[in-house]
Structure formats: structure tokens, C-alpha cells
mmCIF file of all heavy atoms, coordinates in Angstrom:
data_MODEL
# 
_entry.id   MODEL 
# 
loop_
_atom_site.group_PDB 
_atom_site.id 
_atom_site.type_symbol 
_atom_site.label_atom_id 
_atom_site.label_alt_id 
_atom_site.label_comp_id 
_atom_site.label_asym_id 
_atom_site.label_entity_id 
_atom_site.label_seq_id 
_atom_site.pdbx_PDB_ins_code 
_atom_site.Cartn_x 
_atom_site.Cartn_y 
_atom_site.Cartn_z 
_atom_site.occupancy 
_atom_site.B_iso_or_equiv 
_atom_site.pdbx_formal_charge 
_atom_site.auth_seq_id 
_atom_site.auth_comp_id 
_atom_site.auth_asym_id 
_atom_site.auth_atom_id 
_atom_site.pdbx_PDB_model_num 
ATOM 1   N N   . LEU A 1 1  ? 8.416   -1.926  -2.136 1.00 0.00 ? 1  LEU A N   1 
ATOM 2   C CA  . LEU A 1 1  ? 7.374   -2.800  -2.815 1.00 0.00 ? 1  LEU A CA  1 
ATOM 3   C C   . LEU A 1 1  ? 7.831   -4.227  -3.334 1.00 0.00 ? 1  LEU A C   1 
ATOM 4   O O   . LEU A 1 1  ? 6.973   -5.107  -3.421 1.00 0.00 ? 1  LEU A O   1 
ATOM 5   C CB  . LEU A 1 1  ? 6.846   -2.045  -4.083 1.00 0.00 ? 1  LEU A CB  1 
ATOM 6   C CG  . LEU A 1 1  ? 6.162   -0.690  -3.789 1.00 0.00 ? 1  LEU A CG  1 
ATOM 7   C CD1 . LEU A 1 1  ? 5.855   0.028   -5.120 1.00 0.00 ? 1  LEU A CD1 1 
ATOM 8   C CD2 . LEU A 1 1  ? 4.940   -0.887  -2.939 1.00 0.00 ? 1  LEU A CD2 1 
ATOM 9   N N   . GLU A 1 2  ? 9.144   -4.291  -3.592 1.00 0.00 ? 2  GLU A N   1 
ATOM 10  C CA  . GLU A 1 2  ? 9.709   -5.566  -3.785 1.00 0.00 ? 2  GLU A CA  1 
ATOM 11  C C   . GLU A 1 2  ? 9.657   -6.588  -2.535 1.00 0.00 ? 2  GLU A C   1 
ATOM 12  O O   . GLU A 1 2  ? 9.447   -7.706  -2.697 1.00 0.00 ? 2  GLU A O   1 
ATOM 13  C CB  . GLU A 1 2  ? 11.253  -5.401  -4.274 1.00 0.00 ? 2  GLU A CB  1 
ATOM 14  C CG  . GLU A 1 2  ? 11.329  -4.933  -5.620 1.00 0.00 ? 2  GLU A CG  1 
ATOM 15  C CD  . GLU A 1 2  ? 12.849  -4.890  -5.882 1.00 0.00 ? 2  GLU A CD  1 
ATOM 16  O OE1 . GLU A 1 2  ? 13.652  -5.346  -5.153 1.00 0.00 ? 2  GLU A OE1 1 
ATOM 17  O OE2 . GLU A 1 2  ? 13.159  -4.363  -7.016 1.00 0.00 ? 2  GLU A OE2 1 
ATOM 18  N N   . ILE A 1 3  ? 9.543   -5.869  -1.408 1.00 0.00 ? 3  ILE A N   1 
ATOM 19  C CA  . ILE A 1 3  ? 9.380   -6.706  -0.165 1.00 0.00 ? 3  ILE A CA  1 
ATOM 20  C C   . ILE A 1 3  ? 7.961   -7.103  0.015  1.00 0.00 ? 3  ILE A C   1 
ATOM 21  O O   . ILE A 1 3  ? 7.524   -8.201  0.363  1.00 0.00 ? 3  ILE A O   1 
ATOM 22  C CB  . ILE A 1 3  ? 9.977   -5.941  1.044  1.00 0.00 ? 3  ILE A CB  1 
ATOM 23  C CG1 . ILE A 1 3  ? 11.406  -5.814  0.863  1.00 0.00 ? 3  ILE A CG1 1 
ATOM 24  C CG2 . ILE A 1 3  ? 9.523   -6.747  2.332  1.00 0.00 ? 3  ILE A CG2 1 
ATOM 25  C CD1 . ILE A 1 3  ? 12.029  -4.891  1.892  1.00 0.00 ? 3  ILE A CD1 1 
ATOM 26  N N   . LEU A 1 4  ? 7.080   -6.040  -0.145 1.00 0.00 ? 4  LEU A N   1 
ATOM 27  C CA  . LEU A 1 4  ? 5.631   -6.192  0.121  1.00 0.00 ? 4  LEU A CA  1 
ATOM 28  C C   . LEU A 1 4  ? 4.874   -6.965  -0.822 1.00 0.00 ? 4  LEU A C   1 
ATOM 29  O O   . LEU A 1 4  ? 4.009   -7.797  -0.355 1.00 0.00 ? 4  LEU A O   1 
ATOM 30  C CB  . LEU A 1 4  ? 4.961   -4.848  0.282  1.00 0.00 ? 4  LEU A CB  1 
ATOM 31  C CG  . LEU A 1 4  ? 5.505   -3.800  1.218  1.00 0.00 ? 4  LEU A CG  1 
ATOM 32  C CD1 . LEU A 1 4  ? 4.804   -2.524  1.372  1.00 0.00 ? 4  LEU A CD1 1 
ATOM 33  C CD2 . LEU A 1 4  ? 5.667   -4.506  2.629  1.00 0.00 ? 4  LEU A CD2 1 
ATOM 34  N N   . SER A 1 5  ? 5.114   -6.844  -2.082 1.00 0.00 ? 5  SER A N   1 
ATOM 35  C CA  . SER A 1 5  ? 4.205   -7.282  -3.265 1.00 0.00 ? 5  SER A CA  1 
ATOM 36  C C   . SER A 1 5  ? 4.206   -8.896  -3.042 1.00 0.00 ? 5  SER A C   1 
ATOM 37  O O   . SER A 1 5  ? 3.074   -9.383  -3.151 1.00 0.00 ? 5  SER A O   1 
ATOM 38  C CB  . SER A 1 5  ? 4.610   -6.855  -4.508 1.00 0.00 ? 5  SER A CB  1 
ATOM 39  O OG  . SER A 1 5  ? 4.526   -5.579  -4.643 1.00 0.00 ? 5  SER A OG  1 
ATOM 40  N N   . PRO A 1 6  ? 5.246   -9.558  -3.043 1.00 0.00 ? 6  PRO A N   1 
ATOM 41  C CA  . PRO A 1 6  ? 5.169   -11.012 -3.031 1.00 0.00 ? 6  PRO A CA  1 
ATOM 42  C C   . PRO A 1 6  ? 4.734   -11.751 -1.788 1.00 0.00 ? 6  PRO A C   1 
ATOM 43  O O   . PRO A 1 6  ? 4.352   -12.850 -1.764 1.00 0.00 ? 6  PRO A O   1 
ATOM 44  C CB  . PRO A 1 6  ? 6.639   -11.427 -3.367 1.00 0.00 ? 6  PRO A CB  1 
ATOM 45  C CG  . PRO A 1 6  ? 7.523   -10.346 -2.766 1.00 0.00 ? 6  PRO A CG  1 
ATOM 46  C CD  . PRO A 1 6  ? 6.699   -9.213  -2.994 1.00 0.00 ? 6  PRO A CD  1 
ATOM 47  N N   . ARG A 1 7  ? 4.681   -11.039 -0.685 1.00 0.00 ? 7  ARG A N   1 
ATOM 48  C CA  . ARG A 1 7  ? 4.277   -11.528 0.543  1.00 0.00 ? 7  ARG A CA  1 
ATOM 49  C C   . ARG A 1 7  ? 2.698   -11.233 0.825  1.00 0.00 ? 7  ARG A C   1 
ATOM 50  O O   . ARG A 1 7  ? 2.378   -10.186 1.160  1.00 0.00 ? 7  ARG A O   1 
ATOM 51  C CB  . ARG A 1 7  ? 5.107   -10.930 1.704  1.00 0.00 ? 7  ARG A CB  1 
ATOM 52  C CG  . ARG A 1 7  ? 6.487   -11.324 1.704  1.00 0.00 ? 7  ARG A CG  1 
ATOM 53  C CD  . ARG A 1 7  ? 7.281   -10.536 2.705  1.00 0.00 ? 7  ARG A CD  1 
ATOM 54  N NE  . ARG A 1 7  ? 8.703   -11.085 2.941  1.00 0.00 ? 7  ARG A NE  1 
ATOM 55  C CZ  . ARG A 1 7  ? 9.747   -10.992 2.194  1.00 0.00 ? 7  ARG A CZ  1 
ATOM 56  N NH1 . ARG A 1 7  ? 9.633   -10.107 1.031  1.00 0.00 ? 7  ARG A NH1 1 
ATOM 57  N NH2 . ARG A 1 7  ? 10.925  -11.457 2.536  1.00 0.00 ? 7  ARG A NH2 1 
ATOM 58  N N   . LYS A 1 8  ? 2.055   -12.285 0.459  1.00 0.00 ? 8  LYS A N   1 
ATOM 59  C CA  . LYS A 1 8  ? 0.554   -12.174 0.279  1.00 0.00 ? 8  LYS A CA  1 
ATOM 60  C C   . LYS A 1 8  ? -0.131  -11.718 1.662  1.00 0.00 ? 8  LYS A C   1 
ATOM 61  O O   . LYS A 1 8  ? -1.333  -11.398 1.537  1.00 0.00 ? 8  LYS A O   1 
ATOM 62  C CB  . LYS A 1 8  ? 0.009   -13.416 -0.135 1.00 0.00 ? 8  LYS A CB  1 
ATOM 63  C CG  . LYS A 1 8  ? 0.256   -13.786 -1.708 1.00 0.00 ? 8  LYS A CG  1 
ATOM 64  C CD  . LYS A 1 8  ? 0.249   -12.596 -2.751 1.00 0.00 ? 8  LYS A CD  1 
ATOM 65  C CE  . LYS A 1 8  ? 0.642   -13.090 -4.100 1.00 0.00 ? 8  LYS A CE  1 
ATOM 66  N NZ  . LYS A 1 8  ? 0.347   -11.970 -5.048 1.00 0.00 ? 8  LYS A NZ  1 
ATOM 67  N N   . GLN A 1 9  ? 0.561   -11.901 2.837  1.00 0.00 ? 9  GLN A N   1 
ATOM 68  C CA  . GLN A 1 9  ? -0.009  -11.532 4.053  1.00 0.00 ? 9  GLN A CA  1 
ATOM 69  C C   . GLN A 1 9  ? -0.206  -9.938  4.043  1.00 0.00 ? 9  GLN A C   1 
ATOM 70  O O   . GLN A 1 9  ? -0.944  -9.400  4.915  1.00 0.00 ? 9  GLN A O   1 
ATOM 71  C CB  . GLN A 1 9  ? 0.575   -12.080 5.154  1.00 0.00 ? 9  GLN A CB  1 
ATOM 72  C CG  . GLN A 1 9  ? 2.015   -11.391 5.524  1.00 0.00 ? 9  GLN A CG  1 
ATOM 73  C CD  . GLN A 1 9  ? 3.173   -12.163 4.753  1.00 0.00 ? 9  GLN A CD  1 
ATOM 74  O OE1 . GLN A 1 9  ? 2.990   -12.702 3.749  1.00 0.00 ? 9  GLN A OE1 1 
ATOM 75  N NE2 . GLN A 1 9  ? 4.349   -12.280 5.418  1.00 0.00 ? 9  GLN A NE2 1 
ATOM 76  N N   . VAL A 1 10 ? 0.689   -9.239  3.362  1.00 0.00 ? 10 VAL A N   1 
ATOM 77  C CA  . VAL A 1 10 ? 0.544   -7.752  3.299  1.00 0.00 ? 10 VAL A CA  1 
ATOM 78  C C   . VAL A 1 10 ? -0.673  -7.333  2.538  1.00 0.00 ? 10 VAL A C   1 
ATOM 79  O O   . VAL A 1 10 ? -0.830  -7.537  1.328  1.00 0.00 ? 10 VAL A O   1 
ATOM 80  C CB  . VAL A 1 10 ? 1.800   -7.221  2.630  1.00 0.00 ? 10 VAL A CB  1 
ATOM 81  C CG1 . VAL A 1 10 ? 1.794   -5.660  2.678  1.00 0.00 ? 10 VAL A CG1 1 
ATOM 82  C CG2 . VAL A 1 10 ? 3.079   -7.593  3.397  1.00 0.00 ? 10 VAL A CG2 1 
ATOM 83  N N   . LYS A 1 11 ? -1.502  -6.729  3.279  1.00 0.00 ? 11 LYS A N   1 
ATOM 84  C CA  . LYS A 1 11 ? -2.871  -6.360  2.645  1.00 0.00 ? 11 LYS A CA  1 
ATOM 85  C C   . LYS A 1 11 ? -2.857  -4.718  2.338  1.00 0.00 ? 11 LYS A C   1 
ATOM 86  O O   . LYS A 1 11 ? -3.732  -4.380  1.395  1.00 0.00 ? 11 LYS A O   1 
ATOM 87  C CB  . LYS A 1 11 ? -3.909  -6.693  3.516  1.00 0.00 ? 11 LYS A CB  1 
ATOM 88  C CG  . LYS A 1 11 ? -3.939  -8.069  4.052  1.00 0.00 ? 11 LYS A CG  1 
ATOM 89  C CD  . LYS A 1 11 ? -3.931  -9.235  2.974  1.00 0.00 ? 11 LYS A CD  1 
ATOM 90  C CE  . LYS A 1 11 ? -3.990  -10.607 3.452  1.00 0.00 ? 11 LYS A CE  1 
ATOM 91  N NZ  . LYS A 1 11 ? -3.908  -11.607 2.496  1.00 0.00 ? 11 LYS A NZ  1 
ATOM 92  N N   . ALA A 1 12 ? -2.237  -3.940  2.994  1.00 0.00 ? 12 ALA A N   1 
ATOM 93  C CA  . ALA A 1 12 ? -2.353  -2.483  2.907  1.00 0.00 ? 12 ALA A CA  1 
ATOM 94  C C   . ALA A 1 12 ? -1.075  -1.880  3.386  1.00 0.00 ? 12 ALA A C   1 
ATOM 95  O O   . ALA A 1 12 ? -0.399  -2.392  4.155  1.00 0.00 ? 12 ALA A O   1 
ATOM 96  C CB  . ALA A 1 12 ? -3.483  -2.011  3.741  1.00 0.00 ? 12 ALA A CB  1 
ATOM 97  N N   . LEU A 1 13 ? -0.772  -0.794  2.520  1.00 0.00 ? 13 LEU A N   1 
ATOM 98  C CA  . LEU A 1 13 ? 0.240   0.108   2.892  1.00 0.00 ? 13 LEU A CA  1 
ATOM 99  C C   . LEU A 1 13 ? -0.316  1.468   3.203  1.00 0.00 ? 13 LEU A C   1 
ATOM 100 O O   . LEU A 1 13 ? -0.950  2.055   2.418  1.00 0.00 ? 13 LEU A O   1 
ATOM 101 C CB  . LEU A 1 13 ? 1.203   0.332   1.806  1.00 0.00 ? 13 LEU A CB  1 
ATOM 102 C CG  . LEU A 1 13 ? 2.486   1.274   2.005  1.00 0.00 ? 13 LEU A CG  1 
ATOM 103 C CD1 . LEU A 1 13 ? 3.317   0.846   3.121  1.00 0.00 ? 13 LEU A CD1 1 
ATOM 104 C CD2 . LEU A 1 13 ? 3.236   1.430   0.722  1.00 0.00 ? 13 LEU A CD2 1 
ATOM 105 N N   . ILE A 1 14 ? -0.153  1.829   4.534  1.00 0.00 ? 14 ILE A N   1 
ATOM 106 C CA  . ILE A 1 14 ? -0.868  3.108   5.062  1.00 0.00 ? 14 ILE A CA  1 
ATOM 107 C C   . ILE A 1 14 ? 0.131   4.173   5.242  1.00 0.00 ? 14 ILE A C   1 
ATOM 108 O O   . ILE A 1 14 ? 1.149   3.972   5.854  1.00 0.00 ? 14 ILE A O   1 
ATOM 109 C CB  . ILE A 1 14 ? -1.605  2.782   6.329  1.00 0.00 ? 14 ILE A CB  1 
ATOM 110 C CG1 . ILE A 1 14 ? -2.612  1.488   6.071  1.00 0.00 ? 14 ILE A CG1 1 
ATOM 111 C CG2 . ILE A 1 14 ? -2.276  3.976   6.925  1.00 0.00 ? 14 ILE A CG2 1 
ATOM 112 C CD1 . ILE A 1 14 ? -3.160  1.061   7.392  1.00 0.00 ? 14 ILE A CD1 1 
ATOM 113 N N   . PHE A 1 15 ? -0.043  5.295   4.735  1.00 0.00 ? 15 PHE A N   1 
ATOM 114 C CA  . PHE A 1 15 ? 0.833   6.463   4.733  1.00 0.00 ? 15 PHE A CA  1 
ATOM 115 C C   . PHE A 1 15 ? 0.135   7.807   4.868  1.00 0.00 ? 15 PHE A C   1 
ATOM 116 O O   . PHE A 1 15 ? -1.114  7.842   4.780  1.00 0.00 ? 15 PHE A O   1 
ATOM 117 C CB  . PHE A 1 15 ? 1.719   6.427   3.433  1.00 0.00 ? 15 PHE A CB  1 
ATOM 118 C CG  . PHE A 1 15 ? 0.831   6.448   2.237  1.00 0.00 ? 15 PHE A CG  1 
ATOM 119 C CD1 . PHE A 1 15 ? 0.613   7.662   1.561  1.00 0.00 ? 15 PHE A CD1 1 
ATOM 120 C CD2 . PHE A 1 15 ? 0.397   5.235   1.603  1.00 0.00 ? 15 PHE A CD2 1 
ATOM 121 C CE1 . PHE A 1 15 ? -0.066  7.628   0.355  1.00 0.00 ? 15 PHE A CE1 1 
ATOM 122 C CE2 . PHE A 1 15 ? -0.205  5.224   0.430  1.00 0.00 ? 15 PHE A CE2 1 
ATOM 123 C CZ  . PHE A 1 15 ? -0.647  6.478   -0.139 1.00 0.00 ? 15 PHE A CZ  1 
ATOM 124 N N   . GLY A 1 16 ? 0.894   8.916   5.070  1.00 0.00 ? 16 GLY A N   1 
ATOM 125 C CA  . GLY A 1 16 ? 0.440   10.227  5.211  1.00 0.00 ? 16 GLY A CA  1 
ATOM 126 C C   . GLY A 1 16 ? 1.202   11.139  4.327  1.00 0.00 ? 16 GLY A C   1 
ATOM 127 O O   . GLY A 1 16 ? 1.137   10.883  3.052  1.00 0.00 ? 16 GLY A O   1 
ATOM 128 N N   . HIS A 1 17 ? 1.617   12.247  4.841  1.00 0.00 ? 17 HIS A N   1 
ATOM 129 C CA  . HIS A 1 17 ? 2.637   13.041  4.089  1.00 0.00 ? 17 HIS A CA  1 
ATOM 130 C C   . HIS A 1 17 ? 1.955   13.944  3.186  1.00 0.00 ? 17 HIS A C   1 
ATOM 131 O O   . HIS A 1 17 ? 2.354   15.208  2.986  1.00 0.00 ? 17 HIS A O   1 
ATOM 132 C CB  . HIS A 1 17 ? 3.738   12.216  3.464  1.00 0.00 ? 17 HIS A CB  1 
ATOM 133 C CG  . HIS A 1 17 ? 4.958   13.102  2.908  1.00 0.00 ? 17 HIS A CG  1 
ATOM 134 N ND1 . HIS A 1 17 ? 5.733   13.841  3.631  1.00 0.00 ? 17 HIS A ND1 1 
ATOM 135 C CD2 . HIS A 1 17 ? 5.396   13.003  1.566  1.00 0.00 ? 17 HIS A CD2 1 
ATOM 136 C CE1 . HIS A 1 17 ? 6.575   14.432  2.872  1.00 0.00 ? 17 HIS A CE1 1 
ATOM 137 N NE2 . HIS A 1 17 ? 6.406   13.993  1.649  1.00 0.00 ? 17 HIS A NE2 1 
ATOM 138 N N   . THR A 1 18 ? 1.110   13.569  2.328  1.00 0.00 ? 18 THR A N   1 
ATOM 139 C CA  . THR A 1 18 ? 0.414   14.300  1.225  1.00 0.00 ? 18 THR A CA  1 
ATOM 140 C C   . THR A 1 18 ? -0.664  15.159  1.774  1.00 0.00 ? 18 THR A C   1 
ATOM 141 O O   . THR A 1 18 ? -1.229  15.959  0.895  1.00 0.00 ? 18 THR A O   1 
ATOM 142 C CB  . THR A 1 18 ? 0.121   13.533  0.064  1.00 0.00 ? 18 THR A CB  1 
ATOM 143 O OG1 . THR A 1 18 ? -1.162  12.758  0.402  1.00 0.00 ? 18 THR A OG1 1 
ATOM 144 C CG2 . THR A 1 18 ? 1.089   12.615  -0.407 1.00 0.00 ? 18 THR A CG2 1 
ATOM 145 N N   . HIS A 1 19 ? -1.125  14.927  2.908  1.00 0.00 ? 19 HIS A N   1 
ATOM 146 C CA  . HIS A 1 19 ? -2.359  15.648  3.497  1.00 0.00 ? 19 HIS A CA  1 
ATOM 147 C C   . HIS A 1 19 ? -3.624  15.488  2.609  1.00 0.00 ? 19 HIS A C   1 
ATOM 148 O O   . HIS A 1 19 ? -4.250  16.371  2.388  1.00 0.00 ? 19 HIS A O   1 
ATOM 149 C CB  . HIS A 1 19 ? -2.033  17.131  3.583  1.00 0.00 ? 19 HIS A CB  1 
ATOM 150 C CG  . HIS A 1 19 ? -0.956  17.451  4.589  1.00 0.00 ? 19 HIS A CG  1 
ATOM 151 N ND1 . HIS A 1 19 ? -1.047  18.636  5.457  1.00 0.00 ? 19 HIS A ND1 1 
ATOM 152 C CD2 . HIS A 1 19 ? 0.093   16.841  4.945  1.00 0.00 ? 19 HIS A CD2 1 
ATOM 153 C CE1 . HIS A 1 19 ? 0.062   18.569  6.235  1.00 0.00 ? 19 HIS A CE1 1 
ATOM 154 N NE2 . HIS A 1 19 ? 0.761   17.500  5.998  1.00 0.00 ? 19 HIS A NE2 1 
ATOM 155 N N   . THR A 1 20 ? -3.756  14.110  2.220  1.00 0.00 ? 20 THR A N   1 
ATOM 156 C CA  . THR A 1 20 ? -4.766  13.881  1.174  1.00 0.00 ? 20 THR A CA  1 
ATOM 157 C C   . THR A 1 20 ? -5.481  12.617  1.621  1.00 0.00 ? 20 THR A C   1 
ATOM 158 O O   . THR A 1 20 ? -4.856  11.592  2.036  1.00 0.00 ? 20 THR A O   1 
ATOM 159 C CB  . THR A 1 20 ? -4.230  13.613  -0.258 1.00 0.00 ? 20 THR A CB  1 
ATOM 160 O OG1 . THR A 1 20 ? -3.608  14.918  -0.543 1.00 0.00 ? 20 THR A OG1 1 
ATOM 161 C CG2 . THR A 1 20 ? -5.217  13.255  -1.212 1.00 0.00 ? 20 THR A CG2 1 
ATOM 162 N N   . TRP A 1 21 ? -6.787  12.521  1.603  1.00 0.00 ? 21 TRP A N   1 
ATOM 163 C CA  . TRP A 1 21 ? -7.532  11.335  1.781  1.00 0.00 ? 21 TRP A CA  1 
ATOM 164 C C   . TRP A 1 21 ? -7.751  10.619  0.502  1.00 0.00 ? 21 TRP A C   1 
ATOM 165 O O   . TRP A 1 21 ? -8.483  11.191  -0.427 1.00 0.00 ? 21 TRP A O   1 
ATOM 166 C CB  . TRP A 1 21 ? -8.862  11.722  2.527  1.00 0.00 ? 21 TRP A CB  1 
ATOM 167 C CG  . TRP A 1 21 ? -9.928  10.651  2.569  1.00 0.00 ? 21 TRP A CG  1 
ATOM 168 C CD1 . TRP A 1 21 ? -11.175 10.652  2.190  1.00 0.00 ? 21 TRP A CD1 1 
ATOM 169 C CD2 . TRP A 1 21 ? -9.875  9.289   3.093  1.00 0.00 ? 21 TRP A CD2 1 
ATOM 170 N NE1 . TRP A 1 21 ? -11.943 9.675   2.347  1.00 0.00 ? 21 TRP A NE1 1 
ATOM 171 C CE2 . TRP A 1 21 ? -11.113 8.701   2.937  1.00 0.00 ? 21 TRP A CE2 1 
ATOM 172 C CE3 . TRP A 1 21 ? -8.714  8.624   3.655  1.00 0.00 ? 21 TRP A CE3 1 
ATOM 173 C CZ2 . TRP A 1 21 ? -11.361 7.383   3.254  1.00 0.00 ? 21 TRP A CZ2 1 
ATOM 174 C CZ3 . TRP A 1 21 ? -9.055  7.269   3.983  1.00 0.00 ? 21 TRP A CZ3 1 
ATOM 175 C CH2 . TRP A 1 21 ? -10.235 6.675   3.844  1.00 0.00 ? 21 TRP A CH2 1 
ATOM 176 N N   . ASP A 1 22 ? -7.266  9.412   0.305  1.00 0.00 ? 22 ASP A N   1 
ATOM 177 C CA  . ASP A 1 22 ? -7.329  8.753   -0.915 1.00 0.00 ? 22 ASP A CA  1 
ATOM 178 C C   . ASP A 1 22 ? -7.018  7.302   -0.698 1.00 0.00 ? 22 ASP A C   1 
ATOM 179 O O   . ASP A 1 22 ? -6.212  6.941   0.198  1.00 0.00 ? 22 ASP A O   1 
ATOM 180 C CB  . ASP A 1 22 ? -6.437  9.305   -1.938 1.00 0.00 ? 22 ASP A CB  1 
ATOM 181 C CG  . ASP A 1 22 ? -6.665  8.758   -3.405 1.00 0.00 ? 22 ASP A CG  1 
ATOM 182 O OD1 . ASP A 1 22 ? -7.805  8.542   -3.663 1.00 0.00 ? 22 ASP A OD1 1 
ATOM 183 O OD2 . ASP A 1 22 ? -5.652  8.645   -4.152 1.00 0.00 ? 22 ASP A OD2 1 
ATOM 184 N N   . ILE A 1 23 ? -7.630  6.351   -1.526 1.00 0.00 ? 23 ILE A N   1 
ATOM 185 C CA  . ILE A 1 23 ? -7.322  4.849   -1.427 1.00 0.00 ? 23 ILE A CA  1 
ATOM 186 C C   . ILE A 1 23 ? -7.087  4.521   -2.936 1.00 0.00 ? 23 ILE A C   1 
ATOM 187 O O   . ILE A 1 23 ? -8.102  4.682   -3.684 1.00 0.00 ? 23 ILE A O   1 
ATOM 188 C CB  . ILE A 1 23 ? -8.291  4.122   -0.702 1.00 0.00 ? 23 ILE A CB  1 
ATOM 189 C CG1 . ILE A 1 23 ? -8.326  4.559   0.770  1.00 0.00 ? 23 ILE A CG1 1 
ATOM 190 C CG2 . ILE A 1 23 ? -7.991  2.593   -0.895 1.00 0.00 ? 23 ILE A CG2 1 
ATOM 191 C CD1 . ILE A 1 23 ? -9.333  3.873   1.624  1.00 0.00 ? 23 ILE A CD1 1 
ATOM 192 N N   . LYS A 1 24 ? -5.968  3.753   -3.180 1.00 0.00 ? 24 LYS A N   1 
ATOM 193 C CA  . LYS A 1 24 ? -5.741  3.309   -4.501 1.00 0.00 ? 24 LYS A CA  1 
ATOM 194 C C   . LYS A 1 24 ? -5.337  1.734   -4.278 1.00 0.00 ? 24 LYS A C   1 
ATOM 195 O O   . LYS A 1 24 ? -5.303  1.271   -3.118 1.00 0.00 ? 24 LYS A O   1 
ATOM 196 C CB  . LYS A 1 24 ? -4.661  3.931   -5.180 1.00 0.00 ? 24 LYS A CB  1 
ATOM 197 C CG  . LYS A 1 24 ? -5.031  5.393   -5.739 1.00 0.00 ? 24 LYS A CG  1 
ATOM 198 C CD  . LYS A 1 24 ? -4.010  6.009   -6.536 1.00 0.00 ? 24 LYS A CD  1 
ATOM 199 C CE  . LYS A 1 24 ? -4.572  7.360   -7.180 1.00 0.00 ? 24 LYS A CE  1 
ATOM 200 N NZ  . LYS A 1 24 ? -4.998  8.356   -6.223 1.00 0.00 ? 24 LYS A NZ  1 
ATOM 201 N N   . ASP A 1 25 ? -4.952  1.025   -5.368 1.00 0.00 ? 25 ASP A N   1 
ATOM 202 C CA  . ASP A 1 25 ? -4.578  -0.360  -5.253 1.00 0.00 ? 25 ASP A CA  1 
ATOM 203 C C   . ASP A 1 25 ? -3.361  -0.507  -6.212 1.00 0.00 ? 25 ASP A C   1 
ATOM 204 O O   . ASP A 1 25 ? -3.320  -0.063  -7.285 1.00 0.00 ? 25 ASP A O   1 
ATOM 205 C CB  . ASP A 1 25 ? -5.724  -1.120  -5.711 1.00 0.00 ? 25 ASP A CB  1 
ATOM 206 C CG  . ASP A 1 25 ? -5.392  -2.593  -5.646 1.00 0.00 ? 25 ASP A CG  1 
ATOM 207 O OD1 . ASP A 1 25 ? -4.772  -3.247  -6.621 1.00 0.00 ? 25 ASP A OD1 1 
ATOM 208 O OD2 . ASP A 1 25 ? -5.933  -3.227  -4.637 1.00 0.00 ? 25 ASP A OD2 1 
ATOM 209 N N   . LYS A 1 26 ? -2.451  -1.443  -5.682 1.00 0.00 ? 26 LYS A N   1 
ATOM 210 C CA  . LYS A 1 26 ? -1.246  -1.780  -6.502 1.00 0.00 ? 26 LYS A CA  1 
ATOM 211 C C   . LYS A 1 26 ? -0.888  -3.256  -6.305 1.00 0.00 ? 26 LYS A C   1 
ATOM 212 O O   . LYS A 1 26 ? -0.619  -3.684  -5.021 1.00 0.00 ? 26 LYS A O   1 
ATOM 213 C CB  . LYS A 1 26 ? -0.056  -0.875  -6.239 1.00 0.00 ? 26 LYS A CB  1 
ATOM 214 C CG  . LYS A 1 26 ? 1.101   -1.141  -7.060 1.00 0.00 ? 26 LYS A CG  1 
ATOM 215 C CD  . LYS A 1 26 ? 2.372   -0.278  -6.904 1.00 0.00 ? 26 LYS A CD  1 
ATOM 216 C CE  . LYS A 1 26 ? 3.614   -0.764  -7.721 1.00 0.00 ? 26 LYS A CE  1 
ATOM 217 N NZ  . LYS A 1 26 ? 3.229   -0.715  -9.166 1.00 0.00 ? 26 LYS A NZ  1 
ATOM 218 N N   . ASP A 1 27 ? -0.975  -3.985  -7.239 1.00 0.00 ? 27 ASP A N   1 
ATOM 219 C CA  . ASP A 1 27 ? -0.703  -5.353  -7.127 1.00 0.00 ? 27 ASP A CA  1 
ATOM 220 C C   . ASP A 1 27 ? -1.540  -6.117  -6.007 1.00 0.00 ? 27 ASP A C   1 
ATOM 221 O O   . ASP A 1 27 ? -1.066  -6.903  -5.332 1.00 0.00 ? 27 ASP A O   1 
ATOM 222 C CB  . ASP A 1 27 ? 0.731   -5.693  -6.904 1.00 0.00 ? 27 ASP A CB  1 
ATOM 223 C CG  . ASP A 1 27 ? 1.602   -5.146  -7.990 1.00 0.00 ? 27 ASP A CG  1 
ATOM 224 O OD1 . ASP A 1 27 ? 1.099   -5.184  -9.198 1.00 0.00 ? 27 ASP A OD1 1 
ATOM 225 O OD2 . ASP A 1 27 ? 2.709   -4.630  -7.627 1.00 0.00 ? 27 ASP A OD2 1 
ATOM 226 N N   . GLY A 1 28 ? -2.819  -5.545  -5.772 1.00 0.00 ? 28 GLY A N   1 
ATOM 227 C CA  . GLY A 1 28 ? -3.731  -6.141  -4.725 1.00 0.00 ? 28 GLY A CA  1 
ATOM 228 C C   . GLY A 1 28 ? -3.461  -5.560  -3.458 1.00 0.00 ? 28 GLY A C   1 
ATOM 229 O O   . GLY A 1 28 ? -4.171  -5.949  -2.467 1.00 0.00 ? 28 GLY A O   1 
# 
């Protein structure tokens, strides 16, 4: 997150693993 958060071109972090459909927001 230290890499992603300040780089404003990063719009989304997409992941799996939890077998869950969900969308949240962190620092935009």
C-alpha cells in the first residue's frame, strides 16, 4: 500500500483468495 497509495494512477487493487464478492475503498 505504501507503493500504491501515493501513485495516483493506481485506481484499483483486484484480488481473490477469500471467495467473496465485495468492493471497498482505501485512500481512494
